[in-house]
C-alpha atoms as a PDB file:
ATOM      1  CA  MET A   1     102.881  73.125 105.155  1.00  0.00           C
ATOM      2  CA  THR A   2     100.533  76.115 105.280  1.00  0.00           C
ATOM      3  CA  GLU A   3      96.965  75.468 104.141  1.00  0.00           C
ATOM      4  CA  ILE A   4      95.972  77.840 101.321  1.00  0.00           C
ATOM      5  CA  ILE A   5      92.281  78.417 100.677  1.00  0.00           C
ATOM      6  CA  ARG A   6      91.023  79.582  97.273  1.00  0.00           C
ATOM      7  CA  LYS A   7      88.022  81.906  97.349  1.00  0.00           C
ATOM      8  CA  ASP A   8      86.167  82.967  94.192  1.00  0.00           C
ATOM      9  CA  MET A   9      84.136  86.137  94.732  1.00  0.00           C
ATOM     10  CA  PRO A  10      81.677  87.987  92.492  1.00  0.00           C
ATOM     11  CA  LEU A  11      83.149  91.120  90.890  1.00  0.00           C
ATOM     12  CA  LYS A  12      81.319  91.978  87.706  1.00  0.00           C
ATOM     13  CA  GLY A  13      81.889  88.285  87.143  1.00  0.00           C
ATOM     14  CA  TRP A  14      84.337  86.706  89.596  1.00  0.00           C
ATOM     15  CA  ILE A  15      87.606  87.500  91.302  1.00  0.00           C
ATOM     16  CA  THR A  16      89.788  84.989  93.033  1.00  0.00           C
ATOM     17  CA  THR A  17      91.657  85.508  96.266  1.00  0.00           C
ATOM     18  CA  PHE A  18      93.958  83.060  97.962  1.00  0.00           C
ATOM     19  CA  GLU A  19      94.216  83.152 101.747  1.00  0.00           C
ATOM     20  CA  CYS A  20      96.171  81.489 104.486  1.00  0.00           C
ATOM     21  CA  LYS A  21      96.805  82.085 108.158  1.00  0.00           C
ATOM     22  CA  LEU A  22     100.309  82.518 109.521  1.00  0.00           C
ATOM     23  CA  ASN A  23     101.141  82.011 113.176  1.00  0.00           C
ATOM     24  CA  ASP A  24     104.603  83.411 113.846  1.00  0.00           C
ATOM     25  CA  PRO A  25     104.650  85.719 116.900  1.00  0.00           C
ATOM     26  CA  LYS A  26     108.393  86.470 116.547  1.00  0.00           C
ATOM     27  CA  MET A  27     108.010  87.480 112.888  1.00  0.00           C
ATOM     28  CA  ASN A  28     105.032  89.667 113.817  1.00  0.00           C
ATOM     29  CA  LYS A  29     106.920  91.329 116.660  1.00  0.00           C
ATOM     30  CA  ASP A  30     109.887  92.014 114.363  1.00  0.00           C
ATOM     31  CA  ILE A  31     107.591  93.479 111.690  1.00  0.00           C
ATOM     32  CA  ILE A  32     105.889  95.804 114.183  1.00  0.00           C
ATOM     33  CA  THR A  33     109.271  96.931 115.538  1.00  0.00           C
ATOM     34  CA  SER A  34     110.525  97.613 111.985  1.00  0.00           C
ATOM     35  CA  ILE A  35     107.394  99.587 111.053  1.00  0.00           C
ATOM     36  CA  ASN A  36     107.599 101.668 114.235  1.00  0.00           C
ATOM     37  CA  LYS A  37     111.311 102.302 113.696  1.00  0.00           C
ATOM     38  CA  GLN A  38     110.736 103.494 110.108  1.00  0.00           C
ATOM     39  CA  GLY A  39     108.022 105.989 110.992  1.00  0.00           C
ATOM     40  CA  ASP A  40     106.141 107.629 108.119  1.00  0.00           C
ATOM     41  CA  ARG A  41     108.536 107.646 105.165  1.00  0.00           C
ATOM     42  CA  GLN A  42     105.834 108.450 102.586  1.00  0.00           C
ATOM     43  CA  ASN A  43     104.223 111.444 104.356  1.00  0.00           C
ATOM     44  CA  HIS A  44     100.690 110.319 103.400  1.00  0.00           C
ATOM     45  CA  LYS A  45     101.486 111.035  99.703  1.00  0.00           C
ATOM     46  CA  THR A  46     100.647 107.551  98.415  1.00  0.00           C
ATOM     47  CA  ASN A  47      97.258 105.826  98.222  1.00  0.00           C
ATOM     48  CA  VAL A  48      97.804 104.927 101.880  1.00  0.00           C
ATOM     49  CA  LYS A  49      96.780 107.801 104.138  1.00  0.00           C
ATOM     50  CA  ALA A  50      98.503 106.319 107.185  1.00  0.00           C
ATOM     51  CA  GLN A  51     102.046 105.764 108.420  1.00  0.00           C
ATOM     52  CA  MET A  52     103.983 103.907 105.716  1.00  0.00           C
ATOM     53  CA  THR A  53     107.553 102.579 105.497  1.00  0.00           C
ATOM     54  CA  GLU A  54     109.995 102.580 102.608  1.00  0.00           C
ATOM     55  CA  TRP A  55     108.957 100.508  99.573  1.00  0.00           C
ATOM     56  CA  LYS A  56     111.679  97.828  99.776  1.00  0.00           C
ATOM     57  CA  MET A  57     111.610  96.375 103.274  1.00  0.00           C
ATOM     58  CA  TRP A  58     112.549  92.769 102.399  1.00  0.00           C
ATOM     59  CA  ALA A  59     115.886  92.882 104.277  1.00  0.00           C
ATOM     60  CA  GLU A  60     114.345  94.130 107.534  1.00  0.00           C
ATOM     61  CA  PRO A  61     113.657  91.841 110.512  1.00  0.00           C
ATOM     62  CA  GLY A  62     110.354  90.009 110.133  1.00  0.00           C
ATOM     63  CA  PHE A  63     109.879  91.251 106.578  1.00  0.00           C
ATOM     64  CA  LYS A  64     112.584  88.906 105.248  1.00  0.00           C
ATOM     65  CA  LYS A  65     110.812  85.854 106.641  1.00  0.00           C
ATOM     66  CA  LEU A  66     107.446  87.045 105.305  1.00  0.00           C
ATOM     67  CA  ALA A  67     109.028  87.693 101.887  1.00  0.00           C
ATOM     68  CA  ASP A  68     110.190  84.060 101.696  1.00  0.00           C
ATOM     69  CA  VAL A  69     106.695  82.819 102.613  1.00  0.00           C
ATOM     70  CA  VAL A  70     105.039  85.130 100.059  1.00  0.00           C
ATOM     71  CA  LEU A  71     107.323  84.034  97.216  1.00  0.00           C
ATOM     72  CA  ASN A  72     106.698  80.367  97.974  1.00  0.00           C
ATOM     73  CA  ILE A  73     102.920  80.821  98.105  1.00  0.00           C
ATOM     74  CA  SER A  74     102.892  82.906  94.908  1.00  0.00           C
ATOM     75  CA  ARG A  75     104.422  79.948  93.055  1.00  0.00           C
ATOM     76  CA  GLN A  76     101.662  77.668  94.346  1.00  0.00           C
ATOM     77  CA  ILE A  77      98.759  79.992  93.622  1.00  0.00           C
ATOM     78  CA  SER A  78     100.036  80.813  90.137  1.00  0.00           C
ATOM     79  CA  GLU A  79     100.029  77.112  89.357  1.00  0.00           C
ATOM     80  CA  ALA A  80      96.492  76.822  90.777  1.00  0.00           C
ATOM     81  CA  LYS A  81      95.098  79.892  88.988  1.00  0.00           C
ATOM     82  CA  TYR A  82      96.990  79.871  85.681  1.00  0.00           C
ATOM     83  CA  ASN A  83      98.019  76.207  85.397  1.00  0.00           C
ATOM     84  CA  ARG A  84     101.631  77.216  85.060  1.00  0.00           C
ATOM     85  CA  PRO A  85     104.415  78.014  87.478  1.00  0.00           C
ATOM     86  CA  ILE A  86     106.070  81.410  87.636  1.00  0.00           C
ATOM     87  CA  ASP A  87     109.493  82.524  88.808  1.00  0.00           C
ATOM     88  CA  PRO A  88     108.255  85.221  91.202  1.00  0.00           C
ATOM     89  CA  LYS A  89     110.069  88.369  92.246  1.00  0.00           C
ATOM     90  CA  LEU A  90     109.009  90.875  94.883  1.00  0.00           C
ATOM     91  CA  GLU A  91     108.544  94.198  93.163  1.00  0.00           C
ATOM     92  CA  ASN A  92     108.057  95.943  96.505  1.00  0.00           C
ATOM     93  CA  LEU A  93     107.210  95.183 100.119  1.00  0.00           C
ATOM     94  CA  TRP A  94     106.136  97.811 102.636  1.00  0.00           C
ATOM     95  CA  GLY A  95     104.579  98.146 106.069  1.00  0.00           C
ATOM     96  CA  MET A  96     101.761 100.334 107.347  1.00  0.00           C
ATOM     97  CA  LYS A  97     100.487 101.453 110.720  1.00  0.00           C
ATOM     98  CA  TYR A  98      96.904 102.716 110.645  1.00  0.00           C
ATOM     99  CA  LYS A  99      95.256 104.565 113.490  1.00  0.00           C
ATOM    100  CA  SER A 100      91.553 105.268 113.868  1.00  0.00           C
ATOM    101  CA  GLU A 101      89.921 106.955 110.831  1.00  0.00           C
ATOM    102  CA  GLU A 102      92.964 106.508 108.547  1.00  0.00           C
ATOM    103  CA  MET A 103      92.378 104.989 105.119  1.00  0.00           C
ATOM    104  CA  ALA A 104      93.708 103.903 101.741  1.00  0.00           C
ATOM    105  CA  VAL A 105      91.989 105.319  98.664  1.00  0.00           C
ATOM    106  CA  PRO A 106      90.695 102.842  96.044  1.00  0.00           C
ATOM    107  CA  HIS A 107      93.574 101.745  93.819  1.00  0.00           C
ATOM    108  CA  ASP A 108      95.133  98.750  92.102  1.00  0.00           C
ATOM    109  CA  HIS A 109      98.661  97.490  91.525  1.00  0.00           C
ATOM    110  CA  TRP A 110      98.572  96.811  87.803  1.00  0.00           C
ATOM    111  CA  PRO A 111     100.745  95.452  86.153  1.00  0.00           C
ATOM    112  CA  SER A 112     101.718  93.220  89.085  1.00  0.00           C
ATOM    113  CA  ILE A 113     100.644  89.595  88.766  1.00  0.00           C
ATOM    114  CA  TRP A 114      99.783  89.320  92.461  1.00  0.00           C
ATOM    115  CA  SER A 115      99.277  91.797  95.261  1.00  0.00           C
ATOM    116  CA  PHE A 116      98.935  90.777  98.873  1.00  0.00           C
ATOM    117  CA  ALA A 117      98.159  92.044 102.353  1.00  0.00           C
ATOM    118  CA  TYR A 118      99.318  90.457 105.580  1.00  0.00           C
ATOM    119  CA  PHE A 119      97.394  91.503 108.673  1.00  0.00           C
ATOM    120  CA  VAL A 120      99.892  91.393 111.511  1.00  0.00           C
ATOM    121  CA  ASN A 121      97.168  92.154 114.028  1.00  0.00           C
ATOM    122  CA  ALA A 122      93.429  92.821 114.082  1.00  0.00           C
ATOM    123  CA  PRO A 123      92.260  95.473 116.533  1.00  0.00           C
ATOM    124  CA  LYS A 124      88.567  95.180 117.383  1.00  0.00           C
ATOM    125  CA  GLY A 125      86.505  97.265 114.945  1.00  0.00           C
ATOM    126  CA  ALA A 126      89.430  98.054 112.620  1.00  0.00           C
ATOM    127  CA  PRO A 127      88.609  98.015 108.895  1.00  0.00           C
ATOM    128  CA  GLY A 128      89.462  95.086 106.666  1.00  0.00           C
ATOM    129  CA  LEU A 129      90.461  95.082 103.007  1.00  0.00           C
ATOM    130  CA  PHE A 130      87.631  96.496 100.909  1.00  0.00           C
ATOM    131  CA  PHE A 131      87.038  95.572  97.253  1.00  0.00           C
ATOM    132  CA  PRO A 132      84.844  98.479  95.999  1.00  0.00           C
ATOM    133  CA  ASP A 133      83.700  96.757  92.803  1.00  0.00           C
ATOM    134  CA  MET A 134      81.980  94.102  94.892  1.00  0.00           C
ATOM    135  CA  GLY A 135      79.652  96.701  96.427  1.00  0.00           C
ATOM    136  CA  GLU A 136      78.813  97.459 100.009  1.00  0.00           C
ATOM    137  CA  GLN A 137      77.390  93.983 100.564  1.00  0.00           C
ATOM    138  CA  GLY A 138      80.277  91.564 100.831  1.00  0.00           C
ATOM    139  CA  GLY A 139      83.047  93.797  99.509  1.00  0.00           C
ATOM    140  CA  GLU A 140      85.096  93.839 102.689  1.00  0.00           C
ATOM    141  CA  ARG A 141      87.351  91.048 103.907  1.00  0.00           C
ATOM    142  CA  LYS A 142      87.264  91.263 107.676  1.00  0.00           C
ATOM    143  CA  LEU A 143      90.510  91.380 109.603  1.00  0.00           C
ATOM    144  CA  GLU A 144      91.968  88.334 111.247  1.00  0.00           C
ATOM    145  CA  PRO A 145      95.381  88.343 112.910  1.00  0.00           C
ATOM    146  CA  GLY A 146      97.860  86.463 110.758  1.00  0.00           C
ATOM    147  CA  LEU A 147      95.671  86.534 107.630  1.00  0.00           C
ATOM    148  CA  LEU A 148      97.656  86.656 104.381  1.00  0.00           C
ATOM    149  CA  ILE A 149      95.458  87.411 101.376  1.00  0.00           C
ATOM    150  CA  PHE A 150      96.562  87.396  97.725  1.00  0.00           C
ATOM    151  CA  PHE A 151      94.616  88.917  94.823  1.00  0.00           C
ATOM    152  CA  GLU A 152      95.431  89.760  91.225  1.00  0.00           C
ATOM    153  CA  GLY A 153      97.194  93.088  90.794  1.00  0.00           C
ATOM    154  CA  TYR A 154      94.451  94.658  88.676  1.00  0.00           C
ATOM    155  CA  ILE A 155      91.802  94.320  91.415  1.00  0.00           C
ATOM    156  CA  LYS A 156      90.808  97.628  92.991  1.00  0.00           C
ATOM    157  CA  HIS A 157      90.968  97.684  96.768  1.00  0.00           C
ATOM    158  CA  SER A 158      90.956 100.171  99.621  1.00  0.00           C
ATOM    159  CA  VAL A 159      90.731 100.629 103.360  1.00  0.00           C
ATOM    160  CA  ARG A 160      87.728 102.586 104.576  1.00  0.00           C
ATOM    161  CA  PRO A 161      88.097 105.113 107.406  1.00  0.00           C
ATOM    162  CA  THR A 162      86.722 103.561 110.572  1.00  0.00           C
ATOM    163  CA  LYS A 163      86.921 104.356 114.272  1.00  0.00           C
ATOM    164  CA  PHE A 164      88.816 101.818 116.375  1.00  0.00           C
ATOM    165  CA  LYS A 165      91.261 101.714 119.270  1.00  0.00           C
ATOM    166  CA  GLY A 166      94.930 100.858 118.939  1.00  0.00           C
ATOM    167  CA  TYR A 167      96.911 100.390 115.734  1.00  0.00           C
ATOM    168  CA  ARG A 168      96.287  98.246 112.658  1.00  0.00           C
ATOM    169  CA  TYR A 169      99.604  96.847 111.349  1.00  0.00           C
ATOM    170  CA  VAL A 170      99.679  95.539 107.774  1.00  0.00           C
ATOM    171  CA  VAL A 171     102.355  94.495 105.302  1.00  0.00           C
ATOM    172  CA  SER A 172     101.609  94.689 101.582  1.00  0.00           C
ATOM    173  CA  GLY A 173     103.523  94.038  98.419  1.00  0.00           C
ATOM    174  CA  ASN A 174     103.467  93.109  94.770  1.00  0.00           C
ATOM    175  CA  ILE A 175     104.749  90.106  92.833  1.00  0.00           C
ATOM    176  CA  LYS A 176     105.935  90.134  89.260  1.00  0.00           C
ATOM    177  CA  GLU A 177     107.578  87.447  87.165  1.00  0.00           C
ATOM    178  CA  ARG A 178     111.354  87.510  86.674  1.00  0.00           C
END
């Protein structure tokens, strides 16, 4: 069973994230291949100003396995946070490939119950997930390969433009209740 760590963070009060580490090299390889094969389907017209796939990738290699993991964890964290189970459904699931200096503008995913980001890899110096309402001190969750982080859909987040070498591969999505 995957260990899930709850983290409460100050955000004009507190926000809660739930994190775990996944170690599945085959899934990661399949995800990277799928993202590269898709190319930029959104043409930088979303909040993500980087290469982005279609919105509903859950049938693609690697993504399907991650989708199953995400749905299972969302049941557990909903019980932990809200003291009640949910019957979760993926509203969307997409992949991104960031290169140096690319970014995501501050945004949220309201009215989703949960949003998540899975960091397939972590190039040295690449930006993490930034929570602007937490301020410059402590607002960024540093990258770690295999990190899966969940946060409530109303929480603003972004990716700040930063110079780094290589590519930053990420999968994100949103959970709603059936």
